[in-house]
PDB file of all heavy atoms in Angstrom:
ATOM      1  N   TRP A   1       3.772  -6.265   9.919  1.00  0.00           N
ATOM      2  CA  TRP A   1       3.659  -5.510   8.683  1.00  0.00           C
ATOM      3  C   TRP A   1       2.223  -5.523   8.176  1.00  0.00           C
ATOM      4  O   TRP A   1       1.532  -6.537   8.273  1.00  0.00           O
ATOM      5  CB  TRP A   1       4.599  -6.103   7.628  1.00  0.00           C
ATOM      6  CG  TRP A   1       4.321  -5.660   6.232  1.00  0.00           C
ATOM      7  CD1 TRP A   1       4.689  -4.488   5.656  1.00  0.00           C
ATOM      8  CD2 TRP A   1       3.609  -6.395   5.233  1.00  0.00           C
ATOM      9  NE1 TRP A   1       4.255  -4.440   4.348  1.00  0.00           N
ATOM     10  CE2 TRP A   1       3.595  -5.608   4.072  1.00  0.00           C
ATOM     11  CE3 TRP A   1       2.993  -7.651   5.212  1.00  0.00           C
ATOM     12  CZ2 TRP A   1       2.989  -6.015   2.896  1.00  0.00           C
ATOM     13  CZ3 TRP A   1       2.386  -8.076   4.049  1.00  0.00           C
ATOM     14  CH2 TRP A   1       2.383  -7.264   2.911  1.00  0.00           C
ATOM     15  N   VAL A   2       1.781  -4.410   7.633  1.00  0.00           N
ATOM     16  CA  VAL A   2       0.412  -4.283   7.136  1.00  0.00           C
ATOM     17  C   VAL A   2       0.372  -4.067   5.631  1.00  0.00           C
ATOM     18  O   VAL A   2      -0.374  -4.747   4.929  1.00  0.00           O
ATOM     19  CB  VAL A   2      -0.333  -3.132   7.840  1.00  0.00           C
ATOM     20  CG1 VAL A   2      -1.715  -2.920   7.219  1.00  0.00           C
ATOM     21  CG2 VAL A   2      -0.461  -3.429   9.332  1.00  0.00           C
ATOM     22  N   ALA A   3       1.146  -3.106   5.119  1.00  0.00           N
ATOM     23  CA  ALA A   3       1.069  -2.772   3.703  1.00  0.00           C
ATOM     24  C   ALA A   3       2.347  -2.098   3.240  1.00  0.00           C
ATOM     25  O   ALA A   3       3.058  -1.475   4.025  1.00  0.00           O
ATOM     26  CB  ALA A   3      -0.125  -1.849   3.422  1.00  0.00           C
ATOM     27  N   THR A   4       2.640  -2.224   1.949  1.00  0.00           N
ATOM     28  CA  THR A   4       3.806  -1.609   1.323  1.00  0.00           C
ATOM     29  C   THR A   4       3.406  -0.994  -0.003  1.00  0.00           C
ATOM     30  O   THR A   4       2.583  -1.561  -0.731  1.00  0.00           O
ATOM     31  CB  THR A   4       4.924  -2.645   1.074  1.00  0.00           C
ATOM     32  OG1 THR A   4       5.376  -3.182   2.317  1.00  0.00           O
ATOM     33  CG2 THR A   4       6.106  -2.011   0.353  1.00  0.00           C
ATOM     34  N   ILE A   5       3.988   0.148  -0.310  1.00  0.00           N
ATOM     35  CA  ILE A   5       3.852   0.733  -1.639  1.00  0.00           C
ATOM     36  C   ILE A   5       5.241   1.143  -2.116  1.00  0.00           C
ATOM     37  O   ILE A   5       5.992   1.794  -1.395  1.00  0.00           O
ATOM     38  CB  ILE A   5       2.866   1.916  -1.653  1.00  0.00           C
ATOM     39  CG1 ILE A   5       2.682   2.441  -3.082  1.00  0.00           C
ATOM     40  CG2 ILE A   5       3.297   3.026  -0.706  1.00  0.00           C
ATOM     41  CD1 ILE A   5       1.486   3.365  -3.226  1.00  0.00           C
ATOM     42  N   SER A   6       5.595   0.726  -3.322  1.00  0.00           N
ATOM     43  CA  SER A   6       6.899   1.040  -3.879  1.00  0.00           C
ATOM     44  C   SER A   6       6.898   2.420  -4.518  1.00  0.00           C
ATOM     45  O   SER A   6       5.854   3.062  -4.669  1.00  0.00           O
ATOM     46  CB  SER A   6       7.308  -0.012  -4.914  1.00  0.00           C
ATOM     47  OG  SER A   6       6.573   0.149  -6.114  1.00  0.00           O
ATOM     48  N   ARG A   7       8.079   2.870  -4.907  1.00  0.00           N
ATOM     49  CA  ARG A   7       8.194   4.153  -5.583  1.00  0.00           C
ATOM     50  C   ARG A   7       7.427   4.148  -6.904  1.00  0.00           C
ATOM     51  O   ARG A   7       6.968   5.195  -7.355  1.00  0.00           O
ATOM     52  CB  ARG A   7       9.664   4.490  -5.809  1.00  0.00           C
ATOM     53  CG  ARG A   7       9.934   5.870  -6.353  1.00  0.00           C
ATOM     54  CD  ARG A   7      11.404   6.232  -6.194  1.00  0.00           C
ATOM     55  NE  ARG A   7      11.716   7.526  -6.774  1.00  0.00           N
ATOM     56  CZ  ARG A   7      12.206   7.709  -7.991  1.00  0.00           C
ATOM     57  NH1 ARG A   7      12.452   6.671  -8.773  1.00  0.00           N
ATOM     58  NH2 ARG A   7      12.467   8.932  -8.434  1.00  0.00           N
ATOM     59  N   ARG A   8       7.298   2.968  -7.520  1.00  0.00           N
ATOM     60  CA  ARG A   8       6.561   2.823  -8.768  1.00  0.00           C
ATOM     61  C   ARG A   8       5.073   2.563  -8.541  1.00  0.00           C
ATOM     62  O   ARG A   8       4.352   2.271  -9.485  1.00  0.00           O
ATOM     63  CB  ARG A   8       7.141   1.686  -9.607  1.00  0.00           C
ATOM     64  CG  ARG A   8       8.648   1.573  -9.615  1.00  0.00           C
ATOM     65  CD  ARG A   8       9.330   2.744 -10.258  1.00  0.00           C
ATOM     66  NE  ARG A   8      10.755   2.470 -10.461  1.00  0.00           N
ATOM     67  CZ  ARG A   8      11.671   3.378 -10.761  1.00  0.00           C
ATOM     68  NH1 ARG A   8      11.318   4.640 -10.904  1.00  0.00           N
ATOM     69  NH2 ARG A   8      12.928   3.032 -10.921  1.00  0.00           N
ATOM     70  N   LEU A   9       4.621   2.634  -7.297  1.00  0.00           N
ATOM     71  CA  LEU A   9       3.223   2.503  -6.900  1.00  0.00           C
ATOM     72  C   LEU A   9       2.719   1.061  -6.879  1.00  0.00           C
ATOM     73  O   LEU A   9       1.508   0.837  -6.811  1.00  0.00           O
ATOM     74  CB  LEU A   9       2.314   3.362  -7.786  1.00  0.00           C
ATOM     75  CG  LEU A   9       2.673   4.849  -7.868  1.00  0.00           C
ATOM     76  CD1 LEU A   9       1.631   5.600  -8.684  1.00  0.00           C
ATOM     77  CD2 LEU A   9       2.773   5.458  -6.474  1.00  0.00           C
ATOM     78  N   ALA A  10       3.621   0.079  -6.906  1.00  0.00           N
ATOM     79  CA  ALA A  10       3.205  -1.296  -6.686  1.00  0.00           C
ATOM     80  C   ALA A  10       2.842  -1.471  -5.214  1.00  0.00           C
ATOM     81  O   ALA A  10       3.513  -0.928  -4.336  1.00  0.00           O
ATOM     82  CB  ALA A  10       4.320  -2.258  -7.076  1.00  0.00           C
ATOM     83  N   THR A  11       1.776  -2.223  -4.942  1.00  0.00           N
ATOM     84  CA  THR A  11       1.289  -2.370  -3.573  1.00  0.00           C
ATOM     85  C   THR A  11       1.191  -3.823  -3.157  1.00  0.00           C
ATOM     86  O   THR A  11       1.060  -4.722  -3.981  1.00  0.00           O
ATOM     87  CB  THR A  11      -0.091  -1.719  -3.401  1.00  0.00           C
ATOM     88  OG1 THR A  11      -1.030  -2.338  -4.294  1.00  0.00           O
ATOM     89  CG2 THR A  11      -0.029  -0.230  -3.695  1.00  0.00           C
ATOM     90  N   ASP A  12       1.229  -4.045  -1.846  1.00  0.00           N
ATOM     91  CA  ASP A  12       1.048  -5.367  -1.272  1.00  0.00           C
ATOM     92  C   ASP A  12       0.471  -5.191   0.124  1.00  0.00           C
ATOM     93  O   ASP A  12       0.757  -4.204   0.801  1.00  0.00           O
ATOM     94  CB  ASP A  12       2.370  -6.132  -1.220  1.00  0.00           C
ATOM     95  CG  ASP A  12       2.177  -7.626  -1.035  1.00  0.00           C
ATOM     96  OD1 ASP A  12       1.042  -8.103  -1.164  1.00  0.00           O
ATOM     97  OD2 ASP A  12       3.174  -8.330  -0.758  1.00  0.00           O
ATOM     98  N   TYR A  13      -0.351  -6.166   0.557  1.00  0.00           N
ATOM     99  CA  TYR A  13      -1.034  -6.097   1.835  1.00  0.00           C
ATOM    100  C   TYR A  13      -0.977  -7.430   2.548  1.00  0.00           C
ATOM    101  O   TYR A  13      -0.931  -8.493   1.916  1.00  0.00           O
ATOM    102  CB  TYR A  13      -2.512  -5.734   1.651  1.00  0.00           C
ATOM    103  CG  TYR A  13      -2.768  -4.450   0.911  1.00  0.00           C
ATOM    104  CD1 TYR A  13      -2.863  -4.432  -0.477  1.00  0.00           C
ATOM    105  CD2 TYR A  13      -2.933  -3.259   1.601  1.00  0.00           C
ATOM    106  CE1 TYR A  13      -3.110  -3.250  -1.160  1.00  0.00           C
ATOM    107  CE2 TYR A  13      -3.183  -2.071   0.925  1.00  0.00           C
ATOM    108  CZ  TYR A  13      -3.267  -2.080  -0.457  1.00  0.00           C
ATOM    109  OH  TYR A  13      -3.514  -0.907  -1.132  1.00  0.00           O
ATOM    110  N   VAL A  14      -1.021  -7.372   3.861  1.00  0.00           N
ATOM    111  CA  VAL A  14      -1.193  -8.583   4.629  1.00  0.00           C
ATOM    112  C   VAL A  14      -2.629  -9.086   4.409  1.00  0.00           C
ATOM    113  O   VAL A  14      -3.547  -8.285   4.158  1.00  0.00           O
ATOM    114  CB  VAL A  14      -0.907  -8.332   6.130  1.00  0.00           C
ATOM    115  CG1 VAL A  14      -1.992  -7.471   6.757  1.00  0.00           C
ATOM    116  CG2 VAL A  14      -0.720  -9.634   6.883  1.00  0.00           C
ATOM    117  N   ASP A  15      -2.824 -10.396   4.480  1.00  0.00           N
ATOM    118  CA  ASP A  15      -4.100 -10.979   4.081  1.00  0.00           C
ATOM    119  C   ASP A  15      -5.307 -10.395   4.817  1.00  0.00           C
ATOM    120  O   ASP A  15      -6.361 -10.175   4.212  1.00  0.00           O
ATOM    121  CB  ASP A  15      -4.067 -12.496   4.275  1.00  0.00           C
ATOM    122  CG  ASP A  15      -3.253 -13.206   3.214  1.00  0.00           C
ATOM    123  OD1 ASP A  15      -2.941 -12.593   2.175  1.00  0.00           O
ATOM    124  OD2 ASP A  15      -2.941 -14.395   3.421  1.00  0.00           O
ATOM    125  N   PHE A  16      -5.188 -10.151   6.102  1.00  0.00           N
ATOM    126  CA  PHE A  16      -6.362  -9.778   6.877  1.00  0.00           C
ATOM    127  C   PHE A  16      -6.846  -8.348   6.638  1.00  0.00           C
ATOM    128  O   PHE A  16      -7.877  -7.954   7.189  1.00  0.00           O
ATOM    129  CB  PHE A  16      -6.140 -10.034   8.385  1.00  0.00           C
ATOM    130  CG  PHE A  16      -4.901  -9.413   8.966  1.00  0.00           C
ATOM    131  CD1 PHE A  16      -4.846  -8.059   9.251  1.00  0.00           C
ATOM    132  CD2 PHE A  16      -3.800 -10.205   9.257  1.00  0.00           C
ATOM    133  CE1 PHE A  16      -3.709  -7.497   9.802  1.00  0.00           C
ATOM    134  CE2 PHE A  16      -2.652  -9.649   9.807  1.00  0.00           C
ATOM    135  CZ  PHE A  16      -2.611  -8.286  10.076  1.00  0.00           C
ATOM    136  N   VAL A  17      -6.150  -7.557   5.816  1.00  0.00           N
ATOM    137  CA  VAL A  17      -6.647  -6.224   5.481  1.00  0.00           C
ATOM    138  C   VAL A  17      -6.978  -6.084   4.003  1.00  0.00           C
ATOM    139  O   VAL A  17      -7.499  -5.038   3.595  1.00  0.00           O
ATOM    140  CB  VAL A  17      -5.663  -5.111   5.890  1.00  0.00           C
ATOM    141  CG1 VAL A  17      -5.268  -5.258   7.353  1.00  0.00           C
ATOM    142  CG2 VAL A  17      -4.432  -5.097   4.989  1.00  0.00           C
ATOM    143  N   LYS A  18      -6.718  -7.098   3.206  1.00  0.00           N
ATOM    144  CA  LYS A  18      -6.995  -7.026   1.777  1.00  0.00           C
ATOM    145  C   LYS A  18      -8.481  -6.789   1.527  1.00  0.00           C
ATOM    146  O   LYS A  18      -9.336  -7.432   2.119  1.00  0.00           O
ATOM    147  CB  LYS A  18      -6.545  -8.308   1.076  1.00  0.00           C
ATOM    148  CG  LYS A  18      -5.038  -8.447   0.963  1.00  0.00           C
ATOM    149  CD  LYS A  18      -4.642  -9.722   0.230  1.00  0.00           C
ATOM    150  CE  LYS A  18      -3.133  -9.813   0.086  1.00  0.00           C
ATOM    151  NZ  LYS A  18      -2.715 -11.084  -0.567  1.00  0.00           N
ATOM    152  N   GLY A  19      -8.768  -5.856   0.645  1.00  0.00           N
ATOM    153  CA  GLY A  19     -10.142  -5.498   0.335  1.00  0.00           C
ATOM    154  C   GLY A  19     -10.717  -4.438   1.239  1.00  0.00           C
ATOM    155  O   GLY A  19     -11.797  -3.906   0.952  1.00  0.00           O
ATOM    156  N   ARG A  20     -10.033  -4.110   2.337  1.00  0.00           N
ATOM    157  CA  ARG A  20     -10.515  -3.104   3.280  1.00  0.00           C
ATOM    158  C   ARG A  20      -9.586  -1.892   3.363  1.00  0.00           C
ATOM    159  O   ARG A  20     -10.057  -0.768   3.519  1.00  0.00           O
ATOM    160  CB  ARG A  20     -10.679  -3.702   4.681  1.00  0.00           C
ATOM    161  CG  ARG A  20     -11.687  -4.843   4.750  1.00  0.00           C
ATOM    162  CD  ARG A  20     -11.947  -5.263   6.192  1.00  0.00           C
ATOM    163  NE  ARG A  20     -10.740  -5.775   6.851  1.00  0.00           N
ATOM    164  CZ  ARG A  20     -10.198  -5.239   7.946  1.00  0.00           C
ATOM    165  NH1 ARG A  20     -10.758  -4.181   8.519  1.00  0.00           N
ATOM    166  NH2 ARG A  20      -9.106  -5.773   8.485  1.00  0.00           N
ATOM    167  N   PHE A  21      -8.273  -2.115   3.275  1.00  0.00           N
ATOM    168  CA  PHE A  21      -7.293  -1.038   3.398  1.00  0.00           C
ATOM    169  C   PHE A  21      -6.693  -0.723   2.036  1.00  0.00           C
ATOM    170  O   PHE A  21      -6.517  -1.618   1.194  1.00  0.00           O
ATOM    171  CB  PHE A  21      -6.153  -1.429   4.341  1.00  0.00           C
ATOM    172  CG  PHE A  21      -6.538  -1.549   5.795  1.00  0.00           C
ATOM    173  CD1 PHE A  21      -7.855  -1.499   6.209  1.00  0.00           C
ATOM    174  CD2 PHE A  21      -5.544  -1.717   6.749  1.00  0.00           C
ATOM    175  CE1 PHE A  21      -8.195  -1.617   7.544  1.00  0.00           C
ATOM    176  CE2 PHE A  21      -5.865  -1.832   8.091  1.00  0.00           C
ATOM    177  CZ  PHE A  21      -7.195  -1.786   8.488  1.00  0.00           C
ATOM    178  N   THR A  22      -6.342   0.540   1.834  1.00  0.00           N
ATOM    179  CA  THR A  22      -5.671   0.968   0.614  1.00  0.00           C
ATOM    180  C   THR A  22      -4.495   1.862   0.972  1.00  0.00           C
ATOM    181  O   THR A  22      -4.671   2.875   1.653  1.00  0.00           O
ATOM    182  CB  THR A  22      -6.623   1.730  -0.322  1.00  0.00           C
ATOM    183  OG1 THR A  22      -7.748   0.906  -0.649  1.00  0.00           O
ATOM    184  CG2 THR A  22      -5.904   2.121  -1.608  1.00  0.00           C
ATOM    185  N   ILE A  23      -3.299   1.492   0.524  1.00  0.00           N
ATOM    186  CA  ILE A  23      -2.118   2.314   0.731  1.00  0.00           C
ATOM    187  C   ILE A  23      -1.874   3.135  -0.532  1.00  0.00           C
ATOM    188  O   ILE A  23      -2.062   2.650  -1.650  1.00  0.00           O
ATOM    189  CB  ILE A  23      -0.884   1.446   1.087  1.00  0.00           C
ATOM    190  CG1 ILE A  23       0.308   2.331   1.475  1.00  0.00           C
ATOM    191  CG2 ILE A  23      -0.527   0.496  -0.042  1.00  0.00           C
ATOM    192  CD1 ILE A  23       1.485   1.544   2.046  1.00  0.00           C
ATOM    193  N   SER A  24      -1.479   4.380  -0.354  1.00  0.00           N
ATOM    194  CA  SER A  24      -1.184   5.256  -1.477  1.00  0.00           C
ATOM    195  C   SER A  24      -0.072   6.211  -1.072  1.00  0.00           C
ATOM    196  O   SER A  24       0.295   6.295   0.102  1.00  0.00           O
ATOM    197  CB  SER A  24      -2.432   6.024  -1.925  1.00  0.00           C
ATOM    198  OG  SER A  24      -2.928   6.849  -0.888  1.00  0.00           O
ATOM    199  N   ARG A  25       0.460   6.935  -2.042  1.00  0.00           N
ATOM    200  CA  ARG A  25       1.533   7.884  -1.736  1.00  0.00           C
ATOM    201  C   ARG A  25       1.488   9.061  -2.682  1.00  0.00           C
ATOM    202  O   ARG A  25       1.000   8.961  -3.815  1.00  0.00           O
ATOM    203  CB  ARG A  25       2.906   7.201  -1.789  1.00  0.00           C
ATOM    204  CG  ARG A  25       3.326   6.732  -3.165  1.00  0.00           C
ATOM    205  CD  ARG A  25       4.583   5.846  -3.088  1.00  0.00           C
ATOM    206  NE  ARG A  25       5.796   6.613  -2.876  1.00  0.00           N
ATOM    207  CZ  ARG A  25       6.993   6.071  -2.618  1.00  0.00           C
ATOM    208  NH1 ARG A  25       7.106   4.746  -2.508  1.00  0.00           N
ATOM    209  NH2 ARG A  25       8.056   6.836  -2.453  1.00  0.00           N
ATOM    210  N   ASP A  26       2.018  10.170  -2.217  1.00  0.00           N
ATOM    211  CA  ASP A  26       2.183  11.371  -3.010  1.00  0.00           C
ATOM    212  C   ASP A  26       3.673  11.689  -2.976  1.00  0.00           C
ATOM    213  O   ASP A  26       4.178  12.211  -1.983  1.00  0.00           O
ATOM    214  CB  ASP A  26       1.357  12.519  -2.444  1.00  0.00           C
ATOM    215  CG  ASP A  26       1.401  13.764  -3.306  1.00  0.00           C
ATOM    216  OD1 ASP A  26       2.379  13.955  -4.049  1.00  0.00           O
ATOM    217  OD2 ASP A  26       0.443  14.557  -3.241  1.00  0.00           O
ATOM    218  N   ASN A  27       4.370  11.357  -4.041  1.00  0.00           N
ATOM    219  CA  ASN A  27       5.824  11.527  -4.059  1.00  0.00           C
ATOM    220  C   ASN A  27       6.241  12.999  -3.980  1.00  0.00           C
ATOM    221  O   ASN A  27       7.290  13.316  -3.424  1.00  0.00           O
ATOM    222  CB  ASN A  27       6.415  10.883  -5.318  1.00  0.00           C
ATOM    223  CG  ASN A  27       6.361   9.367  -5.275  1.00  0.00           C
ATOM    224  OD1 ASN A  27       6.385   8.768  -4.197  1.00  0.00           O
ATOM    225  ND2 ASN A  27       6.298   8.738  -6.435  1.00  0.00           N
ATOM    226  N   ALA A  28       5.435  13.885  -4.535  1.00  0.00           N
ATOM    227  CA  ALA A  28       5.752  15.306  -4.479  1.00  0.00           C
ATOM    228  C   ALA A  28       5.719  15.831  -3.050  1.00  0.00           C
ATOM    229  O   ALA A  28       6.442  16.768  -2.710  1.00  0.00           O
ATOM    230  CB  ALA A  28       4.795  16.106  -5.358  1.00  0.00           C
ATOM    231  N   LYS A  29       4.871  15.237  -2.209  1.00  0.00           N
ATOM    232  CA  LYS A  29       4.744  15.659  -0.820  1.00  0.00           C
ATOM    233  C   LYS A  29       5.476  14.744   0.150  1.00  0.00           C
ATOM    234  O   LYS A  29       5.431  14.985   1.360  1.00  0.00           O
ATOM    235  CB  LYS A  29       3.265  15.725  -0.428  1.00  0.00           C
ATOM    236  CG  LYS A  29       2.457  16.747  -1.203  1.00  0.00           C
ATOM    237  CD  LYS A  29       1.012  16.755  -0.739  1.00  0.00           C
ATOM    238  CE  LYS A  29       0.202  17.793  -1.489  1.00  0.00           C
ATOM    239  NZ  LYS A  29      -1.223  17.803  -1.051  1.00  0.00           N
TER     240      LYS A  29
END
């Protein structure tokens, strides 16, 4: 697992990508 984003836009990352990767979502799309 690398990253998760909830429907409410809460995010979490595995330690080795924190500060480098960003997860985001577009619910309309």
